[in-house]
Amino acid sequence: MNLNQVTIPSLDVSKSVLFYERLGLKLIVRSLPDYVRFECPGGGSSFSIQKRDKLSSGTGVYIYFECDELDKHVHDLIEKGIEFDELPTDKRWLWREARLLDPDGNQLILYYAGENRLNPPWRLNLKE
């Protein structure tokens, strides 16, 4: 089994399209005002947004996008006018992360983890 697609809610799908295109996602399905789907660069996964009349309360959805050249990518996005809540920072779980919010308040984490994404030093040894 492999994760193929994630769908998030939005109050204004058109506004979200502009934001995610600026992040570098490629729009492949447009059914406005209710639904859009993007192809993620550098991978076989997709990401979609579906119209909702109301969003859940709380901190929203957390979405992680992996970037090989995180610092350069963040710098390029800042040049395009994207605002970050946290610039690239090394985390104790051995990932480097930058954080920002999308137009609906969903938390986006752009990160680089390398080998530690699937094989951190504390990974369970299931062969025991």
Protein backbone atom coordinates (compact mmCIF):
# COMPACT_ATOMS: atom_id res chain seq x y z
CA MET A 1 0.00 0.00 0.00
CA ASN A 2 1.22 3.51 -0.79
CA LEU A 3 -0.26 6.91 0.03
CA ASN A 4 -1.39 8.45 -3.23
CA GLN A 5 -3.49 11.50 -2.41
CA VAL A 6 -4.57 13.75 0.42
CA THR A 7 -7.64 16.02 0.22
CA ILE A 8 -8.02 19.06 2.45
CA PRO A 9 -11.05 21.31 3.05
CA SER A 10 -11.27 24.93 1.92
CA LEU A 11 -13.76 27.76 2.23
CA ASP A 12 -12.50 29.29 -1.04
CA VAL A 13 -10.97 26.77 -3.44
CA SER A 14 -10.07 29.42 -6.05
CA LYS A 15 -8.02 31.36 -3.51
CA SER A 16 -6.29 28.15 -2.44
CA VAL A 17 -5.41 27.32 -6.06
CA LEU A 18 -3.38 30.50 -6.39
CA PHE A 19 -1.57 29.80 -3.12
CA TYR A 20 -0.65 26.19 -3.92
CA GLU A 21 0.43 27.05 -7.47
CA ARG A 22 2.81 29.62 -5.96
CA LEU A 23 4.19 26.82 -3.78
CA GLY A 24 5.00 24.88 -6.96
CA LEU A 25 2.19 22.33 -7.26
CA LYS A 26 0.83 21.67 -10.77
CA LEU A 27 -2.94 21.97 -11.24
CA ILE A 28 -4.24 18.86 -13.07
CA VAL A 29 -8.01 18.88 -12.31
CA ARG A 30 -10.14 22.01 -12.08
CA SER A 31 -13.80 21.71 -11.11
CA LEU A 32 -14.34 25.13 -9.56
CA PRO A 33 -15.77 26.25 -7.28
CA ASP A 34 -15.92 22.85 -5.56
CA TYR A 35 -12.76 20.84 -6.25
CA VAL A 36 -9.21 20.91 -7.63
CA ARG A 37 -6.35 18.43 -7.73
CA PHE A 38 -2.63 19.05 -8.04
CA GLU A 39 0.30 16.87 -8.99
CA CYS A 40 3.15 17.11 -6.52
CA PRO A 41 6.49 17.91 -8.15
CA GLY A 42 9.10 15.20 -7.92
CA GLY A 43 6.77 12.37 -7.01
CA GLY A 44 3.82 10.25 -7.96
CA SER A 45 1.41 11.69 -5.42
CA SER A 46 -1.40 14.19 -5.76
CA PHE A 47 -3.01 16.72 -3.47
CA SER A 48 -6.58 17.98 -3.70
CA ILE A 49 -8.79 20.64 -2.19
CA GLN A 50 -12.53 20.34 -1.73
CA LYS A 51 -15.00 23.12 -0.94
CA ARG A 52 -16.60 23.11 2.49
CA ASP A 53 -19.09 25.57 3.93
CA LYS A 54 -17.45 25.35 7.33
CA LEU A 55 -14.03 24.31 8.57
CA SER A 56 -13.39 22.21 11.64
CA SER A 57 -12.33 24.12 14.73
CA GLY A 58 -8.86 23.72 16.15
CA THR A 59 -5.48 23.81 14.49
CA GLY A 60 -6.61 22.48 11.11
CA VAL A 61 -4.84 19.92 8.99
CA TYR A 62 -1.05 19.43 9.06
CA ILE A 63 0.44 18.79 5.62
CA TYR A 64 4.09 17.87 5.09
CA PHE A 65 5.83 18.50 1.77
CA GLU A 66 9.38 17.19 1.47
CA CYS A 67 11.92 19.40 -0.32
CA ASP A 68 15.44 18.25 -1.18
CA GLU A 69 16.81 21.81 -1.16
CA LEU A 70 14.64 23.19 1.62
CA ASP A 71 16.52 26.41 2.37
CA LYS A 72 16.72 27.40 -1.29
CA HIS A 73 13.07 26.50 -1.86
CA VAL A 74 11.95 28.59 1.13
CA HIS A 75 14.12 31.50 -0.04
CA ASP A 76 12.54 31.29 -3.53
CA LEU A 77 9.03 31.24 -2.03
CA ILE A 78 9.79 34.28 0.14
CA GLU A 79 10.91 36.06 -3.05
CA LYS A 80 7.44 35.24 -4.49
CA GLY A 81 5.75 36.84 -1.48
CA ILE A 82 4.96 33.71 0.55
CA GLU A 83 5.10 34.44 4.29
CA PHE A 84 6.47 31.86 6.73
CA ASP A 85 5.70 31.50 10.42
CA GLU A 86 8.98 29.66 10.96
CA LEU A 87 12.03 29.66 8.71
CA PRO A 88 14.04 26.44 8.21
CA THR A 89 15.05 25.10 11.60
CA ASP A 90 16.73 21.87 12.65
CA LYS A 91 14.37 19.85 14.85
CA ARG A 92 15.22 17.36 17.60
CA TRP A 93 13.59 14.58 15.53
CA LEU A 94 16.37 15.16 12.93
CA TRP A 95 14.24 16.92 10.33
CA ARG A 96 14.78 20.46 9.04
CA GLU A 97 11.42 22.25 8.81
CA ALA A 98 9.85 25.54 7.75
CA ARG A 99 6.23 26.30 8.65
CA LEU A 100 3.47 28.43 7.16
CA LEU A 101 -0.32 28.57 6.94
CA ASP A 102 -2.43 28.19 3.81
CA PRO A 103 -5.41 30.54 3.20
CA ASP A 104 -7.69 28.28 5.28
CA GLY A 105 -5.33 28.05 8.26
CA ASN A 106 -4.02 24.57 7.49
CA GLN A 107 -0.48 24.11 8.79
CA LEU A 108 2.05 23.44 6.03
CA ILE A 109 5.43 22.04 6.91
CA LEU A 110 8.07 22.11 4.20
CA TYR A 111 10.84 19.83 5.35
CA TYR A 112 13.92 17.83 4.55
CA ALA A 113 14.61 14.63 6.48
CA GLY A 114 16.79 12.57 4.17
CA GLU A 115 17.39 9.06 5.52
CA ASN A 116 15.75 10.04 8.83
CA ARG A 117 12.31 10.31 7.20
CA LEU A 118 11.82 6.55 7.27
CA ASN A 119 14.89 5.40 9.20
CA PRO A 120 15.44 7.56 12.28
CA PRO A 121 17.85 6.17 14.90
CA TRP A 122 14.84 5.26 17.10
CA ARG A 123 13.02 3.30 14.37
CA LEU A 124 11.44 0.08 15.64
CA ASN A 125 13.27 -3.09 14.69
CA LEU A 126 10.39 -5.31 13.61
CA LYS A 127 12.66 -8.31 13.00
CA GLU A 128 13.17 -8.94 16.70
